Amino acid sequence: MSPPSENPCLSCGACCRTYRVSFYWGEALELGLPTELIEQVTPHLACMAGTNATQPRCVALGHGTAGPMACGVYPQRPSPCRELQIGDEKCNRARERHGLLPLSPQCS
């Protein structure tokens, strides 16, 4: 993975503005996510607030200190956020949706 200063995610945020970030509700408790940052989707699924909208935008986007699009709950981010990788198919689909060029996959 690139050093934080070269991490394209910190100035992109396309995935956080494209996908619903849904996960098993118990994961939020395990991770210690503040309840105001999650929405109940079904009795068993929750999502990051703001991502269940027609035009998703995660409420944690832009609230971190590492860059303009840094995640405000990065250490506590749920599994869908941990699974998405720089330059993978989902990353590049999100970037395309927002008019950004694709990235090459990076090794961590």
C-alpha atoms as a PDB file:
ATOM      1  CA  MET A   1       0.000   0.000   0.000  1.00  0.00           C
ATOM      2  CA  SER A   2       1.199   3.519  -0.701  1.00  0.00           C
ATOM      3  CA  PRO A   3       2.249   5.815   2.117  1.00  0.00           C
ATOM      4  CA  PRO A   4      -0.733   7.804   3.490  1.00  0.00           C
ATOM      5  CA  SER A   5       0.397  10.926   1.643  1.00  0.00           C
ATOM      6  CA  GLU A   6       0.090   8.993  -1.641  1.00  0.00           C
ATOM      7  CA  ASN A   7      -3.137   7.147  -0.826  1.00  0.00           C
ATOM      8  CA  PRO A   8      -5.624   8.112  -3.577  1.00  0.00           C
ATOM      9  CA  CYS A   9      -8.566   7.319  -1.276  1.00  0.00           C
ATOM     10  CA  LEU A  10      -7.815  10.377   0.827  1.00  0.00           C
ATOM     11  CA  SER A  11      -8.776  12.689  -2.032  1.00  0.00           C
ATOM     12  CA  CYS A  12     -11.328  10.481  -3.841  1.00  0.00           C
ATOM     13  CA  GLY A  13     -14.264   9.206  -1.765  1.00  0.00           C
ATOM     14  CA  ALA A  14     -16.019   7.728  -4.819  1.00  0.00           C
ATOM     15  CA  CYS A  15     -16.859   4.428  -3.105  1.00  0.00           C
ATOM     16  CA  CYS A  16     -18.359   6.310  -0.145  1.00  0.00           C
ATOM     17  CA  ARG A  17     -20.545   8.231  -2.598  1.00  0.00           C
ATOM     18  CA  THR A  18     -21.627   5.212  -4.655  1.00  0.00           C
ATOM     19  CA  TYR A  19     -22.444   2.166  -2.569  1.00  0.00           C
ATOM     20  CA  ARG A  20     -24.708   1.290   0.314  1.00  0.00           C
ATOM     21  CA  VAL A  21     -22.387   0.104   3.069  1.00  0.00           C
ATOM     22  CA  SER A  22     -24.518  -2.645   4.606  1.00  0.00           C
ATOM     23  CA  PHE A  23     -23.405  -5.197   7.175  1.00  0.00           C
ATOM     24  CA  TYR A  24     -24.717  -7.441   9.939  1.00  0.00           C
ATOM     25  CA  TRP A  25     -26.016  -5.132  12.689  1.00  0.00           C
ATOM     26  CA  GLY A  26     -23.916  -6.862  15.367  1.00  0.00           C
ATOM     27  CA  GLU A  27     -20.774  -5.729  13.565  1.00  0.00           C
ATOM     28  CA  ALA A  28     -21.587  -2.124  14.473  1.00  0.00           C
ATOM     29  CA  LEU A  29     -21.677  -3.064  18.143  1.00  0.00           C
ATOM     30  CA  GLU A  30     -18.423  -5.051  17.893  1.00  0.00           C
ATOM     31  CA  LEU A  31     -16.657  -2.162  16.169  1.00  0.00           C
ATOM     32  CA  GLY A  32     -18.063   0.472  18.497  1.00  0.00           C
ATOM     33  CA  LEU A  33     -19.639   2.507  15.707  1.00  0.00           C
ATOM     34  CA  PRO A  34     -21.689   5.376  17.141  1.00  0.00           C
ATOM     35  CA  THR A  35     -25.419   4.677  16.744  1.00  0.00           C
ATOM     36  CA  GLU A  36     -25.991   8.023  15.005  1.00  0.00           C
ATOM     37  CA  LEU A  37     -23.729   6.849  12.171  1.00  0.00           C
ATOM     38  CA  ILE A  38     -25.709   3.712  11.364  1.00  0.00           C
ATOM     39  CA  GLU A  39     -29.200   3.023   9.991  1.00  0.00           C
ATOM     40  CA  GLN A  40     -31.215  -0.159  10.399  1.00  0.00           C
ATOM     41  CA  VAL A  41     -32.018  -1.656   6.952  1.00  0.00           C
ATOM     42  CA  THR A  42     -33.665  -4.929   8.036  1.00  0.00           C
ATOM     43  CA  PRO A  43     -33.895  -6.678  11.413  1.00  0.00           C
ATOM     44  CA  HIS A  44     -30.432  -8.156  10.728  1.00  0.00           C
ATOM     45  CA  LEU A  45     -28.745  -5.584   8.478  1.00  0.00           C
ATOM     46  CA  ALA A  46     -27.529  -2.098   9.197  1.00  0.00           C
ATOM     47  CA  CYS A  47     -25.750   0.371   6.952  1.00  0.00           C
ATOM     48  CA  MET A  48     -23.636   3.452   7.354  1.00  0.00           C
ATOM     49  CA  ALA A  49     -25.969   6.442   7.544  1.00  0.00           C
ATOM     50  CA  GLY A  50     -26.296   8.259   4.259  1.00  0.00           C
ATOM     51  CA  THR A  51     -25.455   5.243   2.112  1.00  0.00           C
ATOM     52  CA  ASN A  52     -29.035   3.965   1.795  1.00  0.00           C
ATOM     53  CA  ALA A  53     -30.032   6.994  -0.283  1.00  0.00           C
ATOM     54  CA  THR A  54     -30.641   7.365  -4.014  1.00  0.00           C
ATOM     55  CA  GLN A  55     -27.430   9.380  -4.144  1.00  0.00           C
ATOM     56  CA  PRO A  56     -25.376   7.752  -1.371  1.00  0.00           C
ATOM     57  CA  ARG A  57     -22.883   9.679   0.720  1.00  0.00           C
ATOM     58  CA  CYS A  58     -21.544   8.103   3.874  1.00  0.00           C
ATOM     59  CA  VAL A  59     -21.827  10.417   6.866  1.00  0.00           C
ATOM     60  CA  ALA A  60     -18.257   9.533   7.916  1.00  0.00           C
ATOM     61  CA  LEU A  61     -16.792  10.727   4.594  1.00  0.00           C
ATOM     62  CA  GLY A  62     -14.616  13.796   4.979  1.00  0.00           C
ATOM     63  CA  HIS A  63     -14.505  13.677   8.767  1.00  0.00           C
ATOM     64  CA  GLY A  64     -11.065  12.106   9.136  1.00  0.00           C
ATOM     65  CA  THR A  65      -7.875  14.091   9.550  1.00  0.00           C
ATOM     66  CA  ALA A  66      -5.666  12.434   6.894  1.00  0.00           C
ATOM     67  CA  GLY A  67      -7.152  14.191   3.844  1.00  0.00           C
ATOM     68  CA  PRO A  68     -10.242  15.896   2.396  1.00  0.00           C
ATOM     69  CA  MET A  69     -12.068  12.584   1.847  1.00  0.00           C
ATOM     70  CA  ALA A  70     -10.674  10.731   4.871  1.00  0.00           C
ATOM     71  CA  CYS A  71     -13.042   8.496   6.820  1.00  0.00           C
ATOM     72  CA  GLY A  72     -14.062   9.737  10.236  1.00  0.00           C
ATOM     73  CA  VAL A  73     -14.383   6.172  11.591  1.00  0.00           C
ATOM     74  CA  TYR A  74     -11.559   4.516   9.662  1.00  0.00           C
ATOM     75  CA  PRO A  75     -10.314   2.319  12.544  1.00  0.00           C
ATOM     76  CA  GLN A  76     -13.931   1.223  13.159  1.00  0.00           C
ATOM     77  CA  ARG A  77     -15.022   0.949   9.507  1.00  0.00           C
ATOM     78  CA  PRO A  78     -17.294  -2.022   8.749  1.00  0.00           C
ATOM     79  CA  SER A  79     -16.375  -5.070   6.658  1.00  0.00           C
ATOM     80  CA  PRO A  80     -17.596  -3.759   3.250  1.00  0.00           C
ATOM     81  CA  CYS A  81     -15.193  -0.834   3.617  1.00  0.00           C
ATOM     82  CA  ARG A  82     -12.345  -3.128   4.653  1.00  0.00           C
ATOM     83  CA  GLU A  83     -12.976  -5.445   1.686  1.00  0.00           C
ATOM     84  CA  LEU A  84     -12.900  -2.772  -1.027  1.00  0.00           C
ATOM     85  CA  GLN A  85      -9.346  -2.265  -2.254  1.00  0.00           C
ATOM     86  CA  ILE A  86      -7.660   0.501  -4.226  1.00  0.00           C
ATOM     87  CA  GLY A  87      -8.053  -0.220  -7.941  1.00  0.00           C
ATOM     88  CA  ASP A  88     -10.314  -3.250  -7.594  1.00  0.00           C
ATOM     89  CA  GLU A  89     -13.450  -3.642  -9.710  1.00  0.00           C
ATOM     90  CA  LYS A  90     -15.780  -1.921  -7.211  1.00  0.00           C
ATOM     91  CA  CYS A  91     -13.326   0.946  -6.694  1.00  0.00           C
ATOM     92  CA  ASN A  92     -13.021   1.595 -10.408  1.00  0.00           C
ATOM     93  CA  ARG A  93     -16.798   1.316 -11.019  1.00  0.00           C
ATOM     94  CA  ALA A  94     -17.334   3.973  -8.347  1.00  0.00           C
ATOM     95  CA  ARG A  95     -14.603   6.174  -9.810  1.00  0.00           C
ATOM     96  CA  GLU A  96     -16.130   5.855 -13.295  1.00  0.00           C
ATOM     97  CA  ARG A  97     -19.535   6.871 -11.927  1.00  0.00           C
ATOM     98  CA  HIS A  98     -17.962  10.086 -10.627  1.00  0.00           C
ATOM     99  CA  GLY A  99     -15.960  10.829 -13.780  1.00  0.00           C
ATOM    100  CA  LEU A 100     -12.609   9.718 -12.361  1.00  0.00           C
ATOM    101  CA  LEU A 101      -9.974   7.646 -14.139  1.00  0.00           C
ATOM    102  CA  PRO A 102      -9.469   4.052 -13.012  1.00  0.00           C
ATOM    103  CA  LEU A 103      -6.662   3.104 -10.661  1.00  0.00           C
ATOM    104  CA  SER A 104      -4.339   0.124 -10.898  1.00  0.00           C
ATOM    105  CA  PRO A 105      -4.733  -2.441  -8.129  1.00  0.00           C
ATOM    106  CA  GLN A 106      -2.202  -1.979  -5.318  1.00  0.00           C
ATOM    107  CA  CYS A 107      -0.671  -4.560  -3.053  1.00  0.00           C
ATOM    108  CA  SER A 108      -1.020  -4.035   0.682  1.00  0.00           C
END
